């Protein structure tokens, strides 16, 4: 089984019908070991609250997607041990420390981070971390 670190841009697609949703849903098929930093759940709560503010989902739907997400087989890892690596990656690439926590986890696990964030992907795909990065369509 392939080790994949998923970021919030991918997980959000599990609950929408936007571009790349089908590709993101394939990650839940059981052939991948999914991982994320533990703050991932906080980020997703923020996404769900934004959707409620914009009228995309109701409060009841928000609770349903939160519960569903928490039941998915995603191994969470404490972010604190990744913070120094993420800082170094961010300072060298111009990406956010938050995004680089996912990349640092992928490197630590000798896996790849899958993202649907075009800016992040384009910012890292030609650098030394490209072996730890994969675009959601390419999984």
Protein backbone atom coordinates (compact mmCIF):
# COMPACT_ATOMS: atom_id res chain seq x y z
CA UNK A 1 0.00 0.00 0.00
CA UNK A 2 1.18 3.48 -0.85
CA UNK A 3 1.65 6.00 1.94
CA UNK A 4 -0.10 9.27 1.11
CA UNK A 5 -0.35 12.43 3.18
CA UNK A 6 -3.53 14.24 2.28
CA UNK A 7 -4.01 17.95 2.66
CA UNK A 8 -7.24 19.84 3.25
CA UNK A 9 -7.59 20.77 -0.42
CA UNK A 10 -8.04 17.07 -1.21
CA UNK A 11 -10.26 16.21 1.76
CA UNK A 12 -12.60 19.11 1.00
CA UNK A 13 -13.28 17.54 -2.39
CA UNK A 14 -14.68 14.43 -0.68
CA UNK A 15 -17.68 16.54 0.31
CA UNK A 16 -18.24 18.62 -2.84
CA UNK A 17 -18.89 18.12 -6.52
CA UNK A 18 -16.13 20.42 -7.70
CA UNK A 19 -13.26 19.75 -10.07
CA UNK A 20 -11.09 16.76 -9.07
CA UNK A 21 -13.70 15.40 -6.63
CA UNK A 22 -13.75 12.00 -8.35
CA UNK A 23 -9.96 11.74 -8.22
CA UNK A 24 -9.95 12.70 -4.54
CA UNK A 25 -12.62 10.12 -3.74
CA UNK A 26 -10.47 7.36 -5.25
CA UNK A 27 -8.09 7.87 -2.34
CA UNK A 28 -10.72 6.40 -0.04
CA UNK A 29 -10.83 3.10 -1.93
CA UNK A 30 -8.64 1.26 0.56
CA UNK A 31 -5.47 0.90 -1.49
CA UNK A 32 -3.70 3.80 0.24
CA UNK A 33 -2.54 4.41 3.79
CA UNK A 34 -3.74 7.95 4.46
CA UNK A 35 -1.94 10.28 6.87
CA UNK A 36 -2.22 13.91 7.95
CA UNK A 37 -0.83 16.21 10.63
CA UNK A 38 -3.21 16.38 13.59
CA UNK A 39 -4.13 20.02 12.90
CA UNK A 40 -5.77 18.78 9.68
CA UNK A 41 -9.05 18.28 11.56
CA UNK A 42 -8.97 21.90 12.75
CA UNK A 43 -8.38 23.11 9.19
CA UNK A 44 -11.29 21.03 7.95
CA UNK A 45 -13.56 22.44 10.68
CA UNK A 46 -12.63 25.88 9.41
CA UNK A 47 -13.51 24.84 5.85
CA UNK A 48 -16.88 23.49 6.97
CA UNK A 49 -17.66 26.67 8.93
CA UNK A 50 -16.80 28.77 5.86
CA UNK A 51 -19.15 26.65 3.78
CA UNK A 52 -21.91 27.26 6.33
CA UNK A 53 -21.29 31.04 6.28
CA UNK A 54 -21.51 31.01 2.48
CA UNK A 55 -24.68 28.92 2.49
CA UNK A 56 -23.06 25.93 0.78
CA UNK A 57 -24.07 23.59 3.59
CA UNK A 58 -26.45 23.83 6.53
CA UNK A 59 -25.45 23.51 10.19
CA UNK A 60 -26.87 19.99 10.21
CA UNK A 61 -24.84 19.12 7.11
CA UNK A 62 -21.78 20.58 8.83
CA UNK A 63 -22.19 18.14 11.70
CA UNK A 64 -22.67 15.27 9.26
CA UNK A 65 -19.50 16.03 7.28
CA UNK A 66 -17.49 16.54 10.49
CA UNK A 67 -18.63 13.15 11.80
CA UNK A 68 -18.00 11.47 8.46
CA UNK A 69 -14.49 12.90 8.20
CA UNK A 70 -13.60 11.75 11.72
CA UNK A 71 -14.62 8.20 10.84
CA UNK A 72 -12.36 7.94 7.80
CA UNK A 73 -9.14 5.92 8.11
CA UNK A 74 -6.66 8.79 8.31
CA UNK A 75 -3.70 8.36 10.66
CA UNK A 76 -3.07 11.67 12.44
CA UNK A 77 0.44 12.71 13.50
CA UNK A 78 1.41 15.42 16.00
CA UNK A 79 2.58 18.49 14.12
CA UNK A 80 5.08 19.72 16.73
CA UNK A 81 7.87 17.28 15.74
CA UNK A 82 7.44 18.41 12.11
CA UNK A 83 7.54 22.12 12.82
CA UNK A 84 11.28 22.72 12.37
CA UNK A 85 11.36 20.81 9.08
CA UNK A 86 8.25 22.64 7.88
CA UNK A 87 9.80 25.98 8.77
CA UNK A 88 12.95 25.15 6.81
CA UNK A 89 10.95 24.01 3.79
CA UNK A 90 8.74 27.12 3.94
CA UNK A 91 11.68 29.50 4.25
CA UNK A 92 13.35 27.93 1.20
CA UNK A 93 10.26 27.61 -1.02
CA UNK A 94 8.07 30.58 -0.17
CA UNK A 95 5.18 28.29 0.79
CA UNK A 96 3.27 28.57 4.05
CA UNK A 97 4.50 26.73 7.12
CA UNK A 98 1.05 25.13 7.39
CA UNK A 99 1.32 23.63 3.90
CA UNK A 100 4.89 22.58 4.52
CA UNK A 101 3.84 20.56 7.57
CA UNK A 102 2.12 18.17 5.15
CA UNK A 103 5.25 17.97 3.01
CA UNK A 104 7.47 17.43 6.06
CA UNK A 105 5.21 14.56 7.17
CA UNK A 106 5.36 12.99 3.70
CA UNK A 107 9.16 13.16 3.75
CA UNK A 108 9.30 11.67 7.26
CA UNK A 109 7.02 8.78 6.24
CA UNK A 110 8.88 8.32 2.94
CA UNK A 111 5.57 8.83 1.17
CA UNK A 112 3.98 11.51 -0.94
CA UNK A 113 1.68 14.40 -0.17
CA UNK A 114 -1.31 14.58 -2.47
CA UNK A 115 -2.75 18.02 -3.04
CA UNK A 116 -5.36 19.80 -5.12
CA UNK A 117 -3.82 23.18 -4.28
CA UNK A 118 -2.36 24.32 -7.62
CA UNK A 119 -0.26 27.12 -6.13
CA UNK A 120 1.35 24.77 -3.61
CA UNK A 121 1.91 22.04 -6.18
CA UNK A 122 3.43 24.42 -8.73
CA UNK A 123 5.64 25.97 -6.05
CA UNK A 124 7.17 22.61 -5.08
CA UNK A 125 6.98 20.34 -8.12
CA UNK A 126 10.35 21.30 -9.61
CA UNK A 127 12.31 21.45 -6.37
CA UNK A 128 14.12 18.91 -4.20
CA UNK A 129 10.86 17.78 -2.56
CA UNK A 130 9.14 16.78 -5.80
CA UNK A 131 9.51 13.08 -4.97
CA UNK A 132 7.23 13.69 -1.95
CA UNK A 133 4.53 15.49 -3.93
CA UNK A 134 1.74 14.35 -6.21
CA UNK A 135 -1.10 16.18 -7.91
CA UNK A 136 -4.56 14.79 -7.09
CA UNK A 137 -5.21 13.79 -10.72
CA UNK A 138 -2.00 11.77 -10.86
CA UNK A 139 -2.74 9.36 -8.04
